[in-house]
Amino acid sequence: MDLTAQLEALGPTRINLVLEALLSSDLRLKILLVSANRLGLVVSAIRLKARRLLVGAMTTEAEALPYLMAGLPGLLICSDQLDSGDSYSLARQARQLVPDIRIMLILEETNPDVAKAVRSNVDAIICAGDIGDPSQPISRGLLAIANHQTYLSPTAKLLLKQQSPGNPINTIKLTGRQDEILSLLLNGDTEVLIADKLGISLTTVKDHTKVLRGKFGVKSKVELVMRAMRLAVAR
């Protein structure tokens, strides 16, 4: 069921701080919402507070594909629960069809396969049980996306660690400070925010991040976070 036309009935609302951050980024803020939760689609549209930025809202993979093939959305927010189709497949296809797209995946299953979600190459993974948490995972995920970072909600990080016992965690030796900084990077924190939280200089944080990139064999901070996610080093 394509609900896009019904969203026109929603009244105009004020852009919130998260949207202001998204608008100030280089993200093409044309949003596609895909979920089997019809009420959730409408509520999400209201909370985004920028209805004019939505290009579509639907409940199936097949309905979403034409929007992606046309290269319309810059941001895909997708649930793992669809009326038909597969959200993981949708995420992979989105990445191929719209190379600069960024993707937030909401995991609503009771015991979701977080490792599978990571392999789908999404930018933010949020377990539905974390929504409403004081850490505000939706906002943190969107802010991470705006800053070209990745984000795992608290439950997603825990599940990834539990579901990946065979990952070579011990092959990459980290100091306590390096582990601390990596965990904050996985939370979507910027290096400036990490420096403030840990009470150290930005230069020190950057130095640790550089060492971490070397240990993980990557060239950028984004690659560092993605590799750490895939190795389930979110301790």
C-alpha atoms as a PDB file:
ATOM      1  CA  MET A   1       0.000   0.000   0.000  1.00  0.00           C
ATOM      2  CA  ASP A   2       1.556   3.286  -1.129  1.00  0.00           C
ATOM      3  CA  LEU A   3       0.632   5.945   1.465  1.00  0.00           C
ATOM      4  CA  THR A   4       2.523   8.836  -0.077  1.00  0.00           C
ATOM      5  CA  ALA A   5      -0.576  10.696  -1.284  1.00  0.00           C
ATOM      6  CA  GLN A   6      -2.191  10.445   2.158  1.00  0.00           C
ATOM      7  CA  LEU A   7       0.719  12.328   3.719  1.00  0.00           C
ATOM      8  CA  GLU A   8      -0.422  15.455   1.874  1.00  0.00           C
ATOM      9  CA  ALA A   9      -3.141  15.786   4.523  1.00  0.00           C
ATOM     10  CA  LEU A  10      -0.568  16.509   7.216  1.00  0.00           C
ATOM     11  CA  GLY A  11      -0.204  20.146   8.163  1.00  0.00           C
ATOM     12  CA  PRO A  12       3.081  22.095   8.002  1.00  0.00           C
ATOM     13  CA  THR A  13       5.356  21.866  11.037  1.00  0.00           C
ATOM     14  CA  ARG A  14       8.517  23.517  12.286  1.00  0.00           C
ATOM     15  CA  ILE A  15      11.940  22.044  11.430  1.00  0.00           C
ATOM     16  CA  ASN A  16      13.669  20.741  14.558  1.00  0.00           C
ATOM     17  CA  LEU A  17      17.327  20.791  15.470  1.00  0.00           C
ATOM     18  CA  VAL A  18      18.103  17.395  13.951  1.00  0.00           C
ATOM     19  CA  LEU A  19      16.630  18.426  10.632  1.00  0.00           C
ATOM     20  CA  GLU A  20      18.585  21.655  10.744  1.00  0.00           C
ATOM     21  CA  ALA A  21      21.760  19.583  11.086  1.00  0.00           C
ATOM     22  CA  LEU A  22      20.679  17.412   8.167  1.00  0.00           C
ATOM     23  CA  LEU A  23      19.816  20.450   6.075  1.00  0.00           C
ATOM     24  CA  SER A  24      23.233  21.971   6.743  1.00  0.00           C
ATOM     25  CA  SER A  25      24.990  18.770   5.618  1.00  0.00           C
ATOM     26  CA  ASP A  26      25.608  17.719   2.023  1.00  0.00           C
ATOM     27  CA  LEU A  27      22.877  15.080   2.275  1.00  0.00           C
ATOM     28  CA  ARG A  28      20.216  15.268  -0.414  1.00  0.00           C
ATOM     29  CA  LEU A  29      17.392  15.474   2.081  1.00  0.00           C
ATOM     30  CA  LYS A  30      14.729  13.691   0.102  1.00  0.00           C
ATOM     31  CA  ILE A  31      13.434  10.975   2.391  1.00  0.00           C
ATOM     32  CA  LEU A  32      11.891   7.592   1.574  1.00  0.00           C
ATOM     33  CA  LEU A  33      10.098   5.752   4.408  1.00  0.00           C
ATOM     34  CA  VAL A  34       9.427   2.011   4.104  1.00  0.00           C
ATOM     35  CA  SER A  35       7.725  -0.011   6.846  1.00  0.00           C
ATOM     36  CA  ALA A  36       4.851  -2.430   7.406  1.00  0.00           C
ATOM     37  CA  ASN A  37       3.799  -0.234  10.338  1.00  0.00           C
ATOM     38  CA  ARG A  38       1.298   2.119   8.719  1.00  0.00           C
ATOM     39  CA  LEU A  39       0.785   4.181  11.856  1.00  0.00           C
ATOM     40  CA  GLY A  40       4.546   4.395  12.278  1.00  0.00           C
ATOM     41  CA  LEU A  41       4.864   5.807   8.759  1.00  0.00           C
ATOM     42  CA  VAL A  42       2.491   8.646   9.543  1.00  0.00           C
ATOM     43  CA  VAL A  43       4.008   9.318  12.983  1.00  0.00           C
ATOM     44  CA  SER A  44       7.491   9.374  11.465  1.00  0.00           C
ATOM     45  CA  ALA A  45       6.329  11.845   8.836  1.00  0.00           C
ATOM     46  CA  ILE A  46       5.003  14.132  11.554  1.00  0.00           C
ATOM     47  CA  ARG A  47       8.150  13.851  13.696  1.00  0.00           C
ATOM     48  CA  LEU A  48      10.397  14.631  10.744  1.00  0.00           C
ATOM     49  CA  LYS A  49       8.693  18.057  10.730  1.00  0.00           C
ATOM     50  CA  ALA A  50       9.411  18.606   7.080  1.00  0.00           C
ATOM     51  CA  ARG A  51       6.704  16.831   5.112  1.00  0.00           C
ATOM     52  CA  ARG A  52       7.772  18.516   1.908  1.00  0.00           C
ATOM     53  CA  LEU A  53      11.031  16.577   2.043  1.00  0.00           C
ATOM     54  CA  LEU A  54       9.342  13.166   1.856  1.00  0.00           C
ATOM     55  CA  VAL A  55       9.399  11.584  -1.589  1.00  0.00           C
ATOM     56  CA  GLY A  56       7.461   8.507  -0.544  1.00  0.00           C
ATOM     57  CA  ALA A  57       6.087   6.299   2.216  1.00  0.00           C
ATOM     58  CA  MET A  58       5.152   2.699   1.534  1.00  0.00           C
ATOM     59  CA  THR A  59       4.982  -0.762   3.063  1.00  0.00           C
ATOM     60  CA  THR A  60       6.681  -3.047   0.498  1.00  0.00           C
ATOM     61  CA  GLU A  61      10.044  -3.462  -1.194  1.00  0.00           C
ATOM     62  CA  ALA A  62       8.434  -3.483  -4.645  1.00  0.00           C
ATOM     63  CA  GLU A  63       6.754  -0.117  -4.057  1.00  0.00           C
ATOM     64  CA  ALA A  64      10.030   1.458  -2.932  1.00  0.00           C
ATOM     65  CA  LEU A  65      12.133   0.320  -5.892  1.00  0.00           C
ATOM     66  CA  PRO A  66      10.687   2.763  -8.494  1.00  0.00           C
ATOM     67  CA  TYR A  67      11.628   5.697  -6.250  1.00  0.00           C
ATOM     68  CA  LEU A  68      15.160   4.317  -5.917  1.00  0.00           C
ATOM     69  CA  MET A  69      15.472   3.567  -9.629  1.00  0.00           C
ATOM     70  CA  ALA A  70      14.559   7.190 -10.296  1.00  0.00           C
ATOM     71  CA  GLY A  71      17.361   8.256  -7.929  1.00  0.00           C
ATOM     72  CA  LEU A  72      14.970  10.348  -5.863  1.00  0.00           C
ATOM     73  CA  PRO A  73      15.829   9.771  -2.179  1.00  0.00           C
ATOM     74  CA  GLY A  74      19.019  10.823  -0.445  1.00  0.00           C
ATOM     75  CA  LEU A  75      17.928   9.150   2.804  1.00  0.00           C
ATOM     76  CA  LEU A  76      16.163   5.803   3.180  1.00  0.00           C
ATOM     77  CA  ILE A  77      14.568   4.991   6.535  1.00  0.00           C
ATOM     78  CA  CYS A  78      13.485   1.375   6.445  1.00  0.00           C
ATOM     79  CA  SER A  79      12.077  -1.159   8.907  1.00  0.00           C
ATOM     80  CA  ASP A  80      13.034  -4.827   8.828  1.00  0.00           C
ATOM     81  CA  GLN A  81       9.286  -5.530   8.879  1.00  0.00           C
ATOM     82  CA  LEU A  82       7.654  -5.060   5.455  1.00  0.00           C
ATOM     83  CA  ASP A  83       4.313  -6.242   4.081  1.00  0.00           C
ATOM     84  CA  SER A  84       6.277  -7.992   1.338  1.00  0.00           C
ATOM     85  CA  GLY A  85       9.871  -8.134   0.177  1.00  0.00           C
ATOM     86  CA  ASP A  86      13.096  -7.984   2.171  1.00  0.00           C
ATOM     87  CA  SER A  87      14.481  -4.866   3.845  1.00  0.00           C
ATOM     88  CA  TYR A  88      18.083  -6.100   3.724  1.00  0.00           C
ATOM     89  CA  SER A  89      17.791  -6.663  -0.019  1.00  0.00           C
ATOM     90  CA  LEU A  90      16.190  -3.237  -0.339  1.00  0.00           C
ATOM     91  CA  ALA A  91      19.117  -1.618   1.477  1.00  0.00           C
ATOM     92  CA  ARG A  92      21.656  -3.315  -0.790  1.00  0.00           C
ATOM     93  CA  GLN A  93      19.738  -2.337  -3.917  1.00  0.00           C
ATOM     94  CA  ALA A  94      19.381   1.230  -2.659  1.00  0.00           C
ATOM     95  CA  ARG A  95      23.160   1.470  -2.303  1.00  0.00           C
ATOM     96  CA  GLN A  96      23.634   0.262  -5.883  1.00  0.00           C
ATOM     97  CA  LEU A  97      20.891   2.389  -7.441  1.00  0.00           C
ATOM     98  CA  VAL A  98      21.639   5.609  -5.537  1.00  0.00           C
ATOM     99  CA  PRO A  99      25.382   5.619  -4.709  1.00  0.00           C
ATOM    100  CA  ASP A 100      25.213   8.656  -2.407  1.00  0.00           C
ATOM    101  CA  ILE A 101      22.166   7.466  -0.469  1.00  0.00           C
ATOM    102  CA  ARG A 102      22.348   7.064   3.293  1.00  0.00           C
ATOM    103  CA  ILE A 103      20.325   4.432   5.070  1.00  0.00           C
ATOM    104  CA  MET A 104      18.821   4.028   8.532  1.00  0.00           C
ATOM    105  CA  LEU A 105      17.518   0.541   9.336  1.00  0.00           C
ATOM    106  CA  ILE A 106      15.030   0.068  12.185  1.00  0.00           C
ATOM    107  CA  LEU A 107      15.103  -3.489  13.563  1.00  0.00           C
ATOM    108  CA  GLU A 108      11.697  -4.454  14.941  1.00  0.00           C
ATOM    109  CA  GLU A 109      12.151  -8.233  15.208  1.00  0.00           C
ATOM    110  CA  THR A 110      12.398  -9.638  18.730  1.00  0.00           C
ATOM    111  CA  ASN A 111      15.922 -10.971  18.167  1.00  0.00           C
ATOM    112  CA  PRO A 112      17.127  -9.286  14.956  1.00  0.00           C
ATOM    113  CA  ASP A 113      20.215 -10.392  13.048  1.00  0.00           C
ATOM    114  CA  VAL A 114      22.348  -7.280  13.549  1.00  0.00           C
ATOM    115  CA  ALA A 115      25.326  -8.801  11.735  1.00  0.00           C
ATOM    116  CA  LYS A 116      23.116  -9.254   8.671  1.00  0.00           C
ATOM    117  CA  ALA A 117      22.092  -5.608   8.929  1.00  0.00           C
ATOM    118  CA  VAL A 118      25.754  -4.557   9.081  1.00  0.00           C
ATOM    119  CA  ARG A 119      26.509  -6.635   5.979  1.00  0.00           C
ATOM    120  CA  SER A 120      23.756  -4.716   4.182  1.00  0.00           C
ATOM    121  CA  ASN A 121      26.043  -1.670   4.392  1.00  0.00           C
ATOM    122  CA  VAL A 122      23.633   0.697   6.124  1.00  0.00           C
ATOM    123  CA  ASP A 123      24.693   3.840   7.977  1.00  0.00           C
ATOM    124  CA  ALA A 124      22.595   3.586  11.145  1.00  0.00           C
ATOM    125  CA  ILE A 125      21.088   0.525  12.831  1.00  0.00           C
ATOM    126  CA  ILE A 126      18.520   1.060  15.562  1.00  0.00           C
ATOM    127  CA  CYS A 127      16.652  -1.589  17.526  1.00  0.00           C
ATOM    128  CA  ALA A 128      13.025  -0.614  18.028  1.00  0.00           C
ATOM    129  CA  GLY A 129      13.341  -1.365  21.751  1.00  0.00           C
ATOM    130  CA  ASP A 130      15.835   1.495  22.050  1.00  0.00           C
ATOM    131  CA  ILE A 131      13.417   4.076  20.661  1.00  0.00           C
ATOM    132  CA  GLY A 132      12.437   6.282  23.565  1.00  0.00           C
ATOM    133  CA  ASP A 133      15.749   5.599  25.326  1.00  0.00           C
ATOM    134  CA  PRO A 134      17.264   8.725  26.953  1.00  0.00           C
ATOM    135  CA  SER A 135      20.192   8.445  24.527  1.00  0.00           C
ATOM    136  CA  GLN A 136      17.721   9.362  21.737  1.00  0.00           C
ATOM    137  CA  PRO A 137      18.963   6.814  19.170  1.00  0.00           C
ATOM    138  CA  ILE A 138      16.887   8.154  16.280  1.00  0.00           C
ATOM    139  CA  SER A 139      18.319  11.637  16.699  1.00  0.00           C
ATOM    140  CA  ARG A 140      21.846  10.296  17.218  1.00  0.00           C
ATOM    141  CA  GLY A 141      21.517   8.109  14.141  1.00  0.00           C
ATOM    142  CA  LEU A 142      20.365  11.015  11.992  1.00  0.00           C
ATOM    143  CA  LEU A 143      23.122  13.260  13.311  1.00  0.00           C
ATOM    144  CA  ALA A 144      25.685  10.545  12.560  1.00  0.00           C
ATOM    145  CA  ILE A 145      24.334  10.287   9.029  1.00  0.00           C
ATOM    146  CA  ALA A 146      24.556  14.069   8.621  1.00  0.00           C
ATOM    147  CA  ASN A 147      28.236  13.883   9.650  1.00  0.00           C
ATOM    148  CA  HIS A 148      29.145  10.945   7.370  1.00  0.00           C
ATOM    149  CA  GLN A 149      29.367   8.638  10.380  1.00  0.00           C
ATOM    150  CA  THR A 150      27.773   5.337  11.295  1.00  0.00           C
ATOM    151  CA  TYR A 151      25.690   4.531  14.354  1.00  0.00           C
ATOM    152  CA  LEU A 152      24.571   1.458  16.299  1.00  0.00           C
ATOM    153  CA  SER A 153      21.947   1.841  19.004  1.00  0.00           C
ATOM    154  CA  PRO A 154      22.833   0.363  22.429  1.00  0.00           C
ATOM    155  CA  THR A 155      20.857  -2.868  21.956  1.00  0.00           C
ATOM    156  CA  ALA A 156      22.157  -3.272  18.410  1.00  0.00           C
ATOM    157  CA  LYS A 157      25.747  -3.071  19.686  1.00  0.00           C
ATOM    158  CA  LEU A 158      25.047  -5.626  22.411  1.00  0.00           C
ATOM    159  CA  LEU A 159      23.342  -8.035  20.004  1.00  0.00           C
ATOM    160  CA  LEU A 160      26.140  -7.693  17.454  1.00  0.00           C
ATOM    161  CA  LYS A 161      28.668  -8.721  20.091  1.00  0.00           C
ATOM    162  CA  GLN A 162      26.518 -11.625  21.299  1.00  0.00           C
ATOM    163  CA  GLN A 163      25.716 -12.870  17.799  1.00  0.00           C
ATOM    164  CA  SER A 164      29.318 -12.790  16.590  1.00  0.00           C
ATOM    165  CA  PRO A 165      31.282 -14.852  19.140  1.00  0.00           C
ATOM    166  CA  GLY A 166      33.638 -16.142  16.471  1.00  0.00           C
ATOM    167  CA  ASN A 167      34.819 -12.740  15.297  1.00  0.00           C
ATOM    168  CA  PRO A 168      38.566 -12.133  15.751  1.00  0.00           C
ATOM    169  CA  ILE A 169      38.171  -9.589  18.527  1.00  0.00           C
ATOM    170  CA  ASN A 170      41.425 -10.512  20.230  1.00  0.00           C
ATOM    171  CA  THR A 171      43.510 -10.217  17.056  1.00  0.00           C
ATOM    172  CA  ILE A 172      43.331  -6.405  17.293  1.00  0.00           C
ATOM    173  CA  LYS A 173      44.873  -5.288  20.559  1.00  0.00           C
ATOM    174  CA  LEU A 174      43.573  -1.968  21.839  1.00  0.00           C
ATOM    175  CA  THR A 175      44.601   0.091  24.838  1.00  0.00           C
ATOM    176  CA  GLY A 176      41.897   1.126  27.266  1.00  0.00           C
ATOM    177  CA  ARG A 177      41.826   4.639  25.809  1.00  0.00           C
ATOM    178  CA  GLN A 178      41.682   3.350  22.219  1.00  0.00           C
ATOM    179  CA  ASP A 179      38.796   1.051  23.121  1.00  0.00           C
ATOM    180  CA  GLU A 180      37.020   3.971  24.788  1.00  0.00           C
ATOM    181  CA  ILE A 181      37.440   6.231  21.758  1.00  0.00           C
ATOM    182  CA  LEU A 182      36.363   3.482  19.359  1.00  0.00           C
ATOM    183  CA  SER A 183      33.199   2.858  21.383  1.00  0.00           C
ATOM    184  CA  LEU A 184      32.354   6.570  21.246  1.00  0.00           C
ATOM    185  CA  LEU A 185      32.973   6.642  17.485  1.00  0.00           C
ATOM    186  CA  LEU A 186      30.584   3.709  17.159  1.00  0.00           C
ATOM    187  CA  ASN A 187      28.044   5.736  19.128  1.00  0.00           C
ATOM    188  CA  GLY A 188      28.221   8.379  16.399  1.00  0.00           C
ATOM    189  CA  ASP A 189      30.164  10.932  18.465  1.00  0.00           C
ATOM    190  CA  THR A 190      32.397  13.401  16.631  1.00  0.00           C
ATOM    191  CA  GLU A 191      36.057  13.724  17.567  1.00  0.00           C
ATOM    192  CA  VAL A 192      35.307  17.147  19.079  1.00  0.00           C
ATOM    193  CA  LEU A 193      32.591  15.650  21.294  1.00  0.00           C
ATOM    194  CA  ILE A 194      34.844  12.738  22.277  1.00  0.00           C
ATOM    195  CA  ALA A 195      37.568  15.159  23.356  1.00  0.00           C
ATOM    196  CA  ASP A 196      35.038  17.015  25.485  1.00  0.00           C
ATOM    197  CA  LYS A 197      33.613  13.833  27.044  1.00  0.00           C
ATOM    198  CA  LEU A 198      37.020  12.376  27.887  1.00  0.00           C
ATOM    199  CA  GLY A 199      38.598  15.658  28.955  1.00  0.00           C
ATOM    200  CA  ILE A 200      41.469  15.373  26.489  1.00  0.00           C
ATOM    201  CA  SER A 201      42.592  17.527  23.590  1.00  0.00           C
ATOM    202  CA  LEU A 202      41.209  17.180  20.076  1.00  0.00           C
ATOM    203  CA  THR A 203      44.767  16.546  18.872  1.00  0.00           C
ATOM    204  CA  THR A 204      45.043  13.570  21.248  1.00  0.00           C
ATOM    205  CA  VAL A 205      41.753  12.144  19.970  1.00  0.00           C
ATOM    206  CA  LYS A 206      42.907  12.544  16.376  1.00  0.00           C
ATOM    207  CA  ASP A 207      46.203  10.827  17.224  1.00  0.00           C
ATOM    208  CA  HIS A 208      44.362   7.868  18.761  1.00  0.00           C
ATOM    209  CA  THR A 209      42.014   7.695  15.771  1.00  0.00           C
ATOM    210  CA  LYS A 210      45.008   7.626  13.433  1.00  0.00           C
ATOM    211  CA  VAL A 211      46.515   4.724  15.388  1.00  0.00           C
ATOM    212  CA  LEU A 212      43.159   2.914  15.313  1.00  0.00           C
ATOM    213  CA  ARG A 213      42.976   3.315  11.525  1.00  0.00           C
ATOM    214  CA  GLY A 214      46.405   1.725  11.273  1.00  0.00           C
ATOM    215  CA  LYS A 215      45.450  -1.190  13.523  1.00  0.00           C
ATOM    216  CA  PHE A 216      42.299  -1.857  11.508  1.00  0.00           C
ATOM    217  CA  GLY A 217      44.044  -1.363   8.171  1.00  0.00           C
ATOM    218  CA  VAL A 218      41.768   1.420   6.892  1.00  0.00           C
ATOM    219  CA  LYS A 219      42.332   4.951   5.589  1.00  0.00           C
ATOM    220  CA  SER A 220      39.354   6.921   6.894  1.00  0.00           C
ATOM    221  CA  LYS A 221      37.308   7.282  10.053  1.00  0.00           C
ATOM    222  CA  VAL A 222      34.180   6.019   8.279  1.00  0.00           C
ATOM    223  CA  GLU A 223      36.043   2.885   7.139  1.00  0.00           C
ATOM    224  CA  LEU A 224      37.320   2.425  10.694  1.00  0.00           C
ATOM    225  CA  VAL A 225      33.815   2.444  12.156  1.00  0.00           C
ATOM    226  CA  MET A 226      32.432   0.148   9.461  1.00  0.00           C
ATOM    227  CA  ARG A 227      35.257  -2.367   9.934  1.00  0.00           C
ATOM    228  CA  ALA A 228      34.867  -2.280  13.708  1.00  0.00           C
ATOM    229  CA  MET A 229      31.152  -2.916  13.314  1.00  0.00           C
ATOM    230  CA  ARG A 230      31.801  -5.859  11.049  1.00  0.00           C
ATOM    231  CA  LEU A 231      34.324  -7.331  13.456  1.00  0.00           C
ATOM    232  CA  ALA A 232      31.891  -6.815  16.344  1.00  0.00           C
ATOM    233  CA  VAL A 233      34.461  -4.887  18.344  1.00  0.00           C
ATOM    234  CA  ALA A 234      31.715  -2.733  19.873  1.00  0.00           C
ATOM    235  CA  ARG A 235      32.683  -3.833  23.370  1.00  0.00           C
END
